[in-house]
Amino acid sequence: MDGLFTQIFTWSQFGTLASLVLGILGLGFGLLKQRSADLRALYKKIEGVKDTLTAALNEFKVEVAREHPTAKALQASEERLTSAINKLTERIDRWLERHP
């Protein structure tokens, strides 16, 4: 067996081949690790943007809830405004009747 091995490869060729294989594997592992670190950093940036947008959306929802009236509030305001206009119309009509 030893003779067959030395007939195909010499020990120096085997060492060179083993070094190349280990070097290629090490390079692949290093690139994979760097890519993984880049993806983690990108994921953290995405999470940061998501958190910022979520906070902005929540602030907008609070602002909308605070400043924009609900349908019931609009209906109540409309009823008060209609009542006030009707009273004003009645006053103007009475005034016009008294002062022809």
N, C-alpha and C. Protein backbone atom coordinates (compact mmCIF):
# COMPACT_ATOMS: atom_id res chain seq x y z
N MET A 1 0.83 -1.19 0.00
CA MET A 1 0.00 0.00 0.00
C MET A 1 0.87 1.23 0.00
N ASP A 2 1.91 1.21 0.83
CA ASP A 2 2.81 2.36 0.88
C ASP A 2 3.49 2.57 -0.47
N GLY A 3 3.82 1.51 -1.14
CA GLY A 3 4.45 1.63 -2.45
C GLY A 3 3.51 2.20 -3.48
N LEU A 4 2.20 1.83 -3.41
CA LEU A 4 1.21 2.35 -4.35
C LEU A 4 1.01 3.84 -4.14
N PHE A 5 0.95 4.24 -2.88
CA PHE A 5 0.78 5.66 -2.56
C PHE A 5 1.97 6.48 -3.08
N THR A 6 3.16 6.00 -2.84
CA THR A 6 4.34 6.75 -3.28
C THR A 6 4.51 6.68 -4.79
N GLN A 7 3.87 5.72 -5.43
CA GLN A 7 3.92 5.70 -6.88
C GLN A 7 3.00 6.77 -7.47
N ILE A 8 1.87 7.03 -6.82
CA ILE A 8 0.92 8.04 -7.31
C ILE A 8 1.36 9.44 -6.86
N PHE A 9 1.62 9.61 -5.59
CA PHE A 9 2.02 10.91 -5.02
C PHE A 9 3.30 10.72 -4.23
N THR A 10 4.11 11.74 -4.24
CA THR A 10 5.22 11.76 -3.30
C THR A 10 4.71 12.45 -2.05
N TRP A 11 5.42 12.32 -0.96
CA TRP A 11 5.00 12.95 0.29
C TRP A 11 4.93 14.47 0.14
N SER A 12 5.81 15.06 -0.60
CA SER A 12 5.77 16.53 -0.77
C SER A 12 4.56 16.94 -1.60
N GLN A 13 4.23 16.12 -2.62
CA GLN A 13 3.03 16.43 -3.42
C GLN A 13 1.77 16.27 -2.57
N PHE A 14 1.74 15.23 -1.75
CA PHE A 14 0.59 15.03 -0.86
C PHE A 14 0.46 16.18 0.14
N GLY A 15 1.60 16.65 0.68
CA GLY A 15 1.58 17.78 1.60
C GLY A 15 1.09 19.04 0.92
N THR A 16 1.54 19.24 -0.33
CA THR A 16 1.09 20.41 -1.10
C THR A 16 -0.41 20.32 -1.37
N LEU A 17 -0.86 19.15 -1.79
CA LEU A 17 -2.28 18.96 -2.06
C LEU A 17 -3.12 19.16 -0.79
N ALA A 18 -2.66 18.61 0.32
CA ALA A 18 -3.38 18.78 1.58
C ALA A 18 -3.41 20.25 1.99
N SER A 19 -2.30 20.97 1.79
CA SER A 19 -2.26 22.40 2.11
C SER A 19 -3.23 23.18 1.24
N LEU A 20 -3.30 22.85 -0.05
CA LEU A 20 -4.24 23.53 -0.95
C LEU A 20 -5.69 23.27 -0.54
N VAL A 21 -5.99 22.02 -0.23
CA VAL A 21 -7.36 21.69 0.18
C VAL A 21 -7.72 22.41 1.47
N LEU A 22 -6.83 22.39 2.44
CA LEU A 22 -7.09 23.10 3.70
C LEU A 22 -7.19 24.61 3.48
N GLY A 23 -6.36 25.14 2.60
CA GLY A 23 -6.43 26.57 2.30
C GLY A 23 -7.74 26.96 1.65
N ILE A 24 -8.18 26.13 0.69
CA ILE A 24 -9.46 26.41 0.03
C ILE A 24 -10.62 26.29 1.02
N LEU A 25 -10.59 25.26 1.85
CA LEU A 25 -11.63 25.11 2.88
C LEU A 25 -11.62 26.28 3.87
N GLY A 26 -10.40 26.70 4.25
CA GLY A 26 -10.29 27.84 5.17
C GLY A 26 -10.82 29.11 4.54
N LEU A 27 -10.50 29.33 3.25
CA LEU A 27 -11.00 30.51 2.54
C LEU A 27 -12.52 30.47 2.45
N GLY A 28 -13.06 29.28 2.11
CA GLY A 28 -14.52 29.15 2.03
C GLY A 28 -15.18 29.42 3.36
N PHE A 29 -14.60 28.87 4.43
CA PHE A 29 -15.15 29.10 5.76
C PHE A 29 -15.08 30.57 6.15
N GLY A 30 -13.94 31.21 5.82
CA GLY A 30 -13.79 32.64 6.13
C GLY A 30 -14.80 33.49 5.39
N LEU A 31 -15.01 33.18 4.09
CA LEU A 31 -16.00 33.93 3.31
C LEU A 31 -17.41 33.70 3.85
N LEU A 32 -17.69 32.46 4.22
CA LEU A 32 -19.01 32.15 4.79
C LEU A 32 -19.23 32.90 6.10
N LYS A 33 -18.20 32.93 6.92
CA LYS A 33 -18.31 33.62 8.21
C LYS A 33 -18.49 35.13 8.00
N GLN A 34 -17.75 35.71 7.04
CA GLN A 34 -17.88 37.14 6.75
C GLN A 34 -19.27 37.45 6.20
N ARG A 35 -19.76 36.58 5.33
CA ARG A 35 -21.09 36.77 4.76
C ARG A 35 -22.15 36.70 5.87
N SER A 36 -21.97 35.76 6.78
CA SER A 36 -22.90 35.63 7.89
C SER A 36 -22.88 36.88 8.76
N ALA A 37 -21.68 37.42 9.02
CA ALA A 37 -21.57 38.65 9.82
C ALA A 37 -22.22 39.82 9.09
N ASP A 38 -22.03 39.90 7.75
CA ASP A 38 -22.66 40.96 6.97
C ASP A 38 -24.18 40.85 7.03
N LEU A 39 -24.68 39.62 6.95
CA LEU A 39 -26.13 39.43 7.01
C LEU A 39 -26.69 39.79 8.39
N ARG A 40 -25.95 39.47 9.45
CA ARG A 40 -26.39 39.85 10.80
C ARG A 40 -26.43 41.38 10.94
N ALA A 41 -25.41 42.05 10.39
CA ALA A 41 -25.39 43.52 10.47
C ALA A 41 -26.55 44.11 9.67
N LEU A 42 -26.83 43.54 8.50
CA LEU A 42 -27.94 44.01 7.69
C LEU A 42 -29.26 43.76 8.40
N TYR A 43 -29.38 42.61 9.05
CA TYR A 43 -30.60 42.30 9.80
C TYR A 43 -30.80 43.30 10.94
N LYS A 44 -29.72 43.67 11.62
CA LYS A 44 -29.83 44.66 12.69
C LYS A 44 -30.29 46.01 12.14
N LYS A 45 -29.77 46.40 10.96
CA LYS A 45 -30.20 47.66 10.35
C LYS A 45 -31.68 47.59 9.99
N ILE A 46 -32.09 46.46 9.44
CA ILE A 46 -33.50 46.30 9.06
C ILE A 46 -34.39 46.37 10.30
N GLU A 47 -33.96 45.74 11.37
CA GLU A 47 -34.73 45.78 12.62
C GLU A 47 -34.82 47.22 13.15
N GLY A 48 -33.71 47.96 13.03
CA GLY A 48 -33.71 49.36 13.47
C GLY A 48 -34.69 50.19 12.67
N VAL A 49 -34.69 50.01 11.35
CA VAL A 49 -35.63 50.74 10.49
C VAL A 49 -37.06 50.34 10.81
N LYS A 50 -37.27 49.03 11.03
CA LYS A 50 -38.61 48.56 11.37
C LYS A 50 -39.09 49.17 12.68
N ASP A 51 -38.21 49.24 13.67
CA ASP A 51 -38.57 49.84 14.95
C ASP A 51 -38.89 51.32 14.79
N THR A 52 -38.09 52.01 13.99
CA THR A 52 -38.33 53.44 13.74
C THR A 52 -39.68 53.65 13.06
N LEU A 53 -39.96 52.85 12.03
CA LEU A 53 -41.22 52.99 11.32
C LEU A 53 -42.41 52.61 12.20
N THR A 54 -42.24 51.60 13.03
CA THR A 54 -43.32 51.21 13.95
C THR A 54 -43.60 52.33 14.93
N ALA A 55 -42.55 52.96 15.45
CA ALA A 55 -42.74 54.07 16.38
C ALA A 55 -43.44 55.23 15.68
N ALA A 56 -43.02 55.54 14.44
CA ALA A 56 -43.66 56.63 13.69
C ALA A 56 -45.13 56.32 13.42
N LEU A 57 -45.42 55.08 13.07
CA LEU A 57 -46.81 54.69 12.82
C LEU A 57 -47.64 54.80 14.09
N ASN A 58 -47.09 54.37 15.21
CA ASN A 58 -47.82 54.48 16.48
C ASN A 58 -48.07 55.94 16.85
N GLU A 59 -47.07 56.80 16.63
CA GLU A 59 -47.26 58.23 16.89
C GLU A 59 -48.35 58.80 15.99
N PHE A 60 -48.37 58.37 14.72
CA PHE A 60 -49.40 58.84 13.79
C PHE A 60 -50.77 58.38 14.24
N LYS A 61 -50.87 57.13 14.69
CA LYS A 61 -52.17 56.62 15.16
C LYS A 61 -52.66 57.42 16.36
N VAL A 62 -51.75 57.76 17.27
CA VAL A 62 -52.12 58.55 18.44
C VAL A 62 -52.58 59.94 18.00
N GLU A 63 -51.85 60.53 17.06
CA GLU A 63 -52.23 61.86 16.57
C GLU A 63 -53.59 61.82 15.90
N VAL A 64 -53.82 60.81 15.08
CA VAL A 64 -55.12 60.68 14.41
C VAL A 64 -56.23 60.51 15.45
N ALA A 65 -55.97 59.69 16.45
CA ALA A 65 -56.99 59.47 17.47
C ALA A 65 -57.25 60.73 18.27
N ARG A 66 -56.20 61.53 18.47
CA ARG A 66 -56.35 62.74 19.27
C ARG A 66 -57.01 63.87 18.47
N GLU A 67 -56.66 64.01 17.21
CA GLU A 67 -57.08 65.19 16.46
C GLU A 67 -58.26 64.97 15.53
N HIS A 68 -58.50 63.78 15.11
CA HIS A 68 -59.60 63.54 14.17
C HIS A 68 -60.79 62.97 14.92
N PRO A 69 -61.93 63.64 14.78
CA PRO A 69 -63.12 63.20 15.52
C PRO A 69 -63.68 61.89 14.97
N THR A 70 -64.39 61.22 15.80
CA THR A 70 -65.05 59.98 15.39
C THR A 70 -66.36 60.32 14.68
N ALA A 71 -67.00 59.34 14.12
CA ALA A 71 -68.27 59.56 13.42
C ALA A 71 -69.34 60.08 14.37
N LYS A 72 -69.36 59.56 15.61
CA LYS A 72 -70.35 60.04 16.60
C LYS A 72 -70.09 61.51 16.94
N ALA A 73 -68.82 61.86 17.10
CA ALA A 73 -68.49 63.24 17.43
C ALA A 73 -68.87 64.17 16.28
N LEU A 74 -68.63 63.73 15.06
CA LEU A 74 -69.02 64.54 13.90
C LEU A 74 -70.53 64.71 13.83
N GLN A 75 -71.26 63.64 14.08
CA GLN A 75 -72.71 63.72 14.06
C GLN A 75 -73.22 64.66 15.14
N ALA A 76 -72.65 64.59 16.34
CA ALA A 76 -73.07 65.49 17.43
C ALA A 76 -72.74 66.94 17.07
N SER A 77 -71.59 67.18 16.50
CA SER A 77 -71.22 68.54 16.11
C SER A 77 -72.15 69.05 15.02
N GLU A 78 -72.47 68.18 14.06
CA GLU A 78 -73.38 68.58 12.99
C GLU A 78 -74.76 68.94 13.55
N GLU A 79 -75.24 68.16 14.52
CA GLU A 79 -76.53 68.44 15.13
C GLU A 79 -76.50 69.77 15.88
N ARG A 80 -75.44 70.05 16.62
CA ARG A 80 -75.34 71.33 17.32
C ARG A 80 -75.26 72.49 16.34
N LEU A 81 -74.49 72.30 15.27
CA LEU A 81 -74.37 73.37 14.27
C LEU A 81 -75.70 73.62 13.57
N THR A 82 -76.41 72.55 13.23
CA THR A 82 -77.72 72.70 12.59
C THR A 82 -78.69 73.40 13.53
N SER A 83 -78.66 73.04 14.80
CA SER A 83 -79.53 73.68 15.78
C SER A 83 -79.20 75.17 15.91
N ALA A 84 -77.92 75.49 15.96
CA ALA A 84 -77.51 76.89 16.08
C ALA A 84 -77.92 77.68 14.84
N ILE A 85 -77.78 77.10 13.66
CA ILE A 85 -78.18 77.79 12.42
C ILE A 85 -79.68 78.01 12.41
N ASN A 86 -80.46 77.01 12.84
CA ASN A 86 -81.91 77.15 12.88
C ASN A 86 -82.33 78.26 13.85
N LYS A 87 -81.67 78.31 15.02
CA LYS A 87 -81.98 79.38 15.98
C LYS A 87 -81.64 80.74 15.40
N LEU A 88 -80.50 80.84 14.73
CA LEU A 88 -80.10 82.11 14.12
C LEU A 88 -81.09 82.53 13.04
N THR A 89 -81.56 81.56 12.25
CA THR A 89 -82.55 81.85 11.20
C THR A 89 -83.84 82.36 11.83
N GLU A 90 -84.26 81.76 12.92
CA GLU A 90 -85.47 82.20 13.61
C GLU A 90 -85.30 83.62 14.14
N ARG A 91 -84.14 83.93 14.70
CA ARG A 91 -83.89 85.28 15.21
C ARG A 91 -83.92 86.31 14.08
N ILE A 92 -83.29 85.96 12.97
CA ILE A 92 -83.28 86.89 11.83
C ILE A 92 -84.71 87.10 11.32
N ASP A 93 -85.49 86.02 11.23
CA ASP A 93 -86.88 86.14 10.79
C ASP A 93 -87.68 87.03 11.74
N ARG A 94 -87.52 86.86 13.06
CA ARG A 94 -88.23 87.70 14.03
C ARG A 94 -87.81 89.16 13.91
N TRP A 95 -86.51 89.37 13.72
CA TRP A 95 -86.00 90.74 13.60
C TRP A 95 -86.58 91.40 12.35
N LEU A 96 -86.62 90.61 11.24
CA LEU A 96 -87.17 91.17 10.00
C LEU A 96 -88.67 91.46 10.13
N GLU A 97 -89.38 90.65 10.93
CA GLU A 97 -90.81 90.88 11.14
C GLU A 97 -91.05 92.16 11.95
N ARG A 98 -90.15 92.43 12.92
CA ARG A 98 -90.28 93.62 13.75
C ARG A 98 -89.83 94.89 13.02
N HIS A 99 -88.91 94.75 12.13
CA HIS A 99 -88.36 95.91 11.42
C HIS A 99 -88.56 95.74 9.92
N PRO A 100 -89.76 96.03 9.47
CA PRO A 100 -90.03 95.86 8.03
C PRO A 100 -89.34 96.86 7.14
